[in-house]
Amino acid sequence: MTYEIVSNFAGTWGLIYLFVVFVGVIAFVMRPGASTAAKEAANIPFKDES
């Protein structure tokens, strides 16, 4: 195995891996019920001010 083969392999599969992770994050954020969880998480800093 030469450096060029390893570099091409890592570049190609690295891109595919990062694209799959990106799509997974988008799907996780867009799932039903995510809006409620996001609003609760956004109010965490203000929890102790009551």
PDB file of N, CA and C in Angstrom:
ATOM      1  N   MET A   1       0.837  -1.185   0.000  1.00  0.00           N
ATOM      2  CA  MET A   1       0.000   0.000   0.000  1.00  0.00           C
ATOM      3  C   MET A   1       0.878   1.242   0.000  1.00  0.00           C
ATOM      4  N   THR A   2       0.589   2.110  -0.911  1.00  0.00           N
ATOM      5  CA  THR A   2       1.337   3.358  -0.958  1.00  0.00           C
ATOM      6  C   THR A   2       0.554   4.455  -0.249  1.00  0.00           C
ATOM      7  N   TYR A   3       1.225   5.546  -0.018  1.00  0.00           N
ATOM      8  CA  TYR A   3       0.587   6.681   0.643  1.00  0.00           C
ATOM      9  C   TYR A   3      -0.597   7.192  -0.176  1.00  0.00           C
ATOM     10  N   GLU A   4      -0.464   7.195  -1.496  1.00  0.00           N
ATOM     11  CA  GLU A   4      -1.535   7.712  -2.348  1.00  0.00           C
ATOM     12  C   GLU A   4      -2.789   6.867  -2.255  1.00  0.00           C
ATOM     13  N   ILE A   5      -2.632   5.552  -2.202  1.00  0.00           N
ATOM     14  CA  ILE A   5      -3.795   4.665  -2.085  1.00  0.00           C
ATOM     15  C   ILE A   5      -4.496   4.892  -0.756  1.00  0.00           C
ATOM     16  N   VAL A   6      -3.731   4.950   0.315  1.00  0.00           N
ATOM     17  CA  VAL A   6      -4.317   5.175   1.648  1.00  0.00           C
ATOM     18  C   VAL A   6      -4.978   6.546   1.714  1.00  0.00           C
ATOM     19  N   SER A   7      -4.342   7.541   1.131  1.00  0.00           N
ATOM     20  CA  SER A   7      -4.884   8.894   1.140  1.00  0.00           C
ATOM     21  C   SER A   7      -6.203   8.964   0.375  1.00  0.00           C
ATOM     22  N   ASN A   8      -6.263   8.334  -0.787  1.00  0.00           N
ATOM     23  CA  ASN A   8      -7.506   8.319  -1.567  1.00  0.00           C
ATOM     24  C   ASN A   8      -8.604   7.561  -0.832  1.00  0.00           C
ATOM     25  N   PHE A   9      -8.251   6.442  -0.245  1.00  0.00           N
ATOM     26  CA  PHE A   9      -9.230   5.646   0.508  1.00  0.00           C
ATOM     27  C   PHE A   9      -9.786   6.458   1.677  1.00  0.00           C
ATOM     28  N   ALA A  10      -8.896   7.095   2.450  1.00  0.00           N
ATOM     29  CA  ALA A  10      -9.326   7.866   3.606  1.00  0.00           C
ATOM     30  C   ALA A  10     -10.151   9.076   3.180  1.00  0.00           C
ATOM     31  N   GLY A  11      -9.767   9.708   2.100  1.00  0.00           N
ATOM     32  CA  GLY A  11     -10.511  10.862   1.614  1.00  0.00           C
ATOM     33  C   GLY A  11     -11.908  10.502   1.169  1.00  0.00           C
ATOM     34  N   THR A  12     -12.027   9.415   0.433  1.00  0.00           N
ATOM     35  CA  THR A  12     -13.331   8.994  -0.064  1.00  0.00           C
ATOM     36  C   THR A  12     -14.233   8.521   1.064  1.00  0.00           C
ATOM     37  N   TRP A  13     -13.749   7.592   1.861  1.00  0.00           N
ATOM     38  CA  TRP A  13     -14.582   7.055   2.937  1.00  0.00           C
ATOM     39  C   TRP A  13     -14.780   8.057   4.063  1.00  0.00           C
ATOM     40  N   GLY A  14     -13.822   8.942   4.260  1.00  0.00           N
ATOM     41  CA  GLY A  14     -13.998  10.005   5.246  1.00  0.00           C
ATOM     42  C   GLY A  14     -15.127  10.937   4.842  1.00  0.00           C
ATOM     43  N   LEU A  15     -15.187  11.276   3.567  1.00  0.00           N
ATOM     44  CA  LEU A  15     -16.267  12.118   3.064  1.00  0.00           C
ATOM     45  C   LEU A  15     -17.610  11.426   3.216  1.00  0.00           C
ATOM     46  N   ILE A  16     -17.676  10.165   2.886  1.00  0.00           N
ATOM     47  CA  ILE A  16     -18.924   9.411   3.027  1.00  0.00           C
ATOM     48  C   ILE A  16     -19.339   9.345   4.494  1.00  0.00           C
ATOM     49  N   TYR A  17     -18.386   9.081   5.383  1.00  0.00           N
ATOM     50  CA  TYR A  17     -18.674   9.007   6.818  1.00  0.00           C
ATOM     51  C   TYR A  17     -19.213  10.340   7.331  1.00  0.00           C
ATOM     52  N   LEU A  18     -18.554  11.442   6.993  1.00  0.00           N
ATOM     53  CA  LEU A  18     -19.008  12.748   7.470  1.00  0.00           C
ATOM     54  C   LEU A  18     -20.365  13.125   6.888  1.00  0.00           C
ATOM     55  N   PHE A  19     -20.640  12.739   5.658  1.00  0.00           N
ATOM     56  CA  PHE A  19     -21.952  13.000   5.068  1.00  0.00           C
ATOM     57  C   PHE A  19     -23.038  12.217   5.797  1.00  0.00           C
ATOM     58  N   VAL A  20     -22.763  10.961   6.139  1.00  0.00           N
ATOM     59  CA  VAL A  20     -23.734  10.148   6.874  1.00  0.00           C
ATOM     60  C   VAL A  20     -23.980  10.739   8.263  1.00  0.00           C
ATOM     61  N   VAL A  21     -22.931  11.191   8.922  1.00  0.00           N
ATOM     62  CA  VAL A  21     -23.086  11.830  10.234  1.00  0.00           C
ATOM     63  C   VAL A  21     -23.912  13.110  10.096  1.00  0.00           C
ATOM     64  N   PHE A  22     -23.652  13.907   9.077  1.00  0.00           N
ATOM     65  CA  PHE A  22     -24.411  15.130   8.840  1.00  0.00           C
ATOM     66  C   PHE A  22     -25.893  14.832   8.631  1.00  0.00           C
ATOM     67  N   VAL A  23     -26.203  13.852   7.811  1.00  0.00           N
ATOM     68  CA  VAL A  23     -27.606  13.485   7.568  1.00  0.00           C
ATOM     69  C   VAL A  23     -28.250  12.960   8.851  1.00  0.00           C
ATOM     70  N   GLY A  24     -27.495  12.210   9.646  1.00  0.00           N
ATOM     71  CA  GLY A  24     -28.012  11.711  10.916  1.00  0.00           C
ATOM     72  C   GLY A  24     -28.338  12.827  11.890  1.00  0.00           C
ATOM     73  N   VAL A  25     -27.483  13.823  11.961  1.00  0.00           N
ATOM     74  CA  VAL A  25     -27.739  14.961  12.851  1.00  0.00           C
ATOM     75  C   VAL A  25     -28.966  15.730  12.386  1.00  0.00           C
ATOM     76  N   ILE A  26     -29.079  15.952  11.097  1.00  0.00           N
ATOM     77  CA  ILE A  26     -30.261  16.650  10.564  1.00  0.00           C
ATOM     78  C   ILE A  26     -31.531  15.853  10.856  1.00  0.00           C
ATOM     79  N   ALA A  27     -31.491  14.552  10.676  1.00  0.00           N
ATOM     80  CA  ALA A  27     -32.661  13.714  10.968  1.00  0.00           C
ATOM     81  C   ALA A  27     -32.993  13.744  12.458  1.00  0.00           C
ATOM     82  N   PHE A  28     -31.974  13.756  13.315  1.00  0.00           N
ATOM     83  CA  PHE A  28     -32.202  13.805  14.758  1.00  0.00           C
ATOM     84  C   PHE A  28     -32.864  15.126  15.160  1.00  0.00           C
ATOM     85  N   VAL A  29     -32.430  16.213  14.554  1.00  0.00           N
ATOM     86  CA  VAL A  29     -32.987  17.522  14.889  1.00  0.00           C
ATOM     87  C   VAL A  29     -34.403  17.676  14.352  1.00  0.00           C
ATOM     88  N   MET A  30     -34.696  17.090  13.215  1.00  0.00           N
ATOM     89  CA  MET A  30     -36.003  17.247  12.591  1.00  0.00           C
ATOM     90  C   MET A  30     -37.030  16.213  13.035  1.00  0.00           C
ATOM     91  N   ARG A  31     -36.670  15.337  13.947  1.00  0.00           N
ATOM     92  CA  ARG A  31     -37.606  14.297  14.369  1.00  0.00           C
ATOM     93  C   ARG A  31     -38.778  14.911  15.120  1.00  0.00           C
ATOM     94  N   PRO A  32     -39.920  14.218  15.166  1.00  0.00           N
ATOM     95  CA  PRO A  32     -41.059  14.724  15.928  1.00  0.00           C
ATOM     96  C   PRO A  32     -40.708  14.804  17.412  1.00  0.00           C
ATOM     97  N   GLY A  33     -41.090  15.882  18.045  1.00  0.00           N
ATOM     98  CA  GLY A  33     -40.808  16.070  19.461  1.00  0.00           C
ATOM     99  C   GLY A  33     -39.511  16.788  19.740  1.00  0.00           C
ATOM    100  N   ALA A  34     -38.729  17.060  18.740  1.00  0.00           N
ATOM    101  CA  ALA A  34     -37.452  17.736  18.944  1.00  0.00           C
ATOM    102  C   ALA A  34     -37.660  19.195  19.326  1.00  0.00           C
ATOM    103  N   SER A  35     -38.733  19.792  18.879  1.00  0.00           N
ATOM    104  CA  SER A  35     -38.999  21.189  19.187  1.00  0.00           C
ATOM    105  C   SER A  35     -39.194  21.390  20.688  1.00  0.00           C
ATOM    106  N   THR A  36     -39.923  20.484  21.322  1.00  0.00           N
ATOM    107  CA  THR A  36     -40.156  20.577  22.759  1.00  0.00           C
ATOM    108  C   THR A  36     -38.853  20.414  23.528  1.00  0.00           C
ATOM    109  N   ALA A  37     -38.059  19.459  23.147  1.00  0.00           N
ATOM    110  CA  ALA A  37     -36.776  19.238  23.815  1.00  0.00           C
ATOM    111  C   ALA A  37     -35.846  20.435  23.617  1.00  0.00           C
ATOM    112  N   ALA A  38     -35.874  21.056  22.448  1.00  0.00           N
ATOM    113  CA  ALA A  38     -35.014  22.205  22.176  1.00  0.00           C
ATOM    114  C   ALA A  38     -35.435  23.402  23.016  1.00  0.00           C
ATOM    115  N   LYS A  39     -36.737  23.601  23.182  1.00  0.00           N
ATOM    116  CA  LYS A  39     -37.215  24.716  24.017  1.00  0.00           C
ATOM    117  C   LYS A  39     -36.838  24.501  25.476  1.00  0.00           C
ATOM    118  N   GLU A  40     -36.950  23.275  25.949  1.00  0.00           N
ATOM    119  CA  GLU A  40     -36.546  22.987  27.327  1.00  0.00           C
ATOM    120  C   GLU A  40     -35.045  23.208  27.512  1.00  0.00           C
ATOM    121  N   ALA A  41     -34.252  22.775  26.571  1.00  0.00           N
ATOM    122  CA  ALA A  41     -32.802  22.945  26.661  1.00  0.00           C
ATOM    123  C   ALA A  41     -32.421  24.422  26.588  1.00  0.00           C
ATOM    124  N   ALA A  42     -33.163  25.208  25.810  1.00  0.00           N
ATOM    125  CA  ALA A  42     -32.859  26.634  25.680  1.00  0.00           C
ATOM    126  C   ALA A  42     -33.133  27.382  26.977  1.00  0.00           C
ATOM    127  N   ASN A  43     -34.026  26.866  27.810  1.00  0.00           N
ATOM    128  CA  ASN A  43     -34.374  27.543  29.056  1.00  0.00           C
ATOM    129  C   ASN A  43     -33.565  27.076  30.257  1.00  0.00           C
ATOM    130  N   ILE A  44     -32.629  26.172  30.081  1.00  0.00           N
ATOM    131  CA  ILE A  44     -31.822  25.665  31.190  1.00  0.00           C
ATOM    132  C   ILE A  44     -31.047  26.786  31.902  1.00  0.00           C
ATOM    133  N   PRO A  45     -30.444  27.760  31.197  1.00  0.00           N
ATOM    134  CA  PRO A  45     -29.708  28.788  31.924  1.00  0.00           C
ATOM    135  C   PRO A  45     -30.591  29.660  32.825  1.00  0.00           C
ATOM    136  N   PHE A  46     -31.873  29.754  32.535  1.00  0.00           N
ATOM    137  CA  PHE A  46     -32.781  30.605  33.282  1.00  0.00           C
ATOM    138  C   PHE A  46     -33.529  29.859  34.378  1.00  0.00           C
ATOM    139  N   LYS A  47     -33.216  28.597  34.571  1.00  0.00           N
ATOM    140  CA  LYS A  47     -33.942  27.750  35.525  1.00  0.00           C
ATOM    141  C   LYS A  47     -33.823  28.258  36.956  1.00  0.00           C
ATOM    142  N   ASP A  48     -32.646  28.739  37.359  1.00  0.00           N
ATOM    143  CA  ASP A  48     -32.407  29.132  38.746  1.00  0.00           C
ATOM    144  C   ASP A  48     -32.784  30.584  39.030  1.00  0.00           C
ATOM    145  N   GLU A  49     -33.261  31.321  38.074  1.00  0.00           N
ATOM    146  CA  GLU A  49     -33.587  32.729  38.276  1.00  0.00           C
ATOM    147  C   GLU A  49     -34.984  32.952  38.791  1.00  0.00           C
ATOM    148  N   SER A  50     -35.763  31.941  39.026  1.00  0.00           N
ATOM    149  CA  SER A  50     -37.142  32.112  39.500  1.00  0.00           C
ATOM    150  C   SER A  50     -37.186  32.487  40.952  1.00  0.00           C
TER     151      SER A  50
END
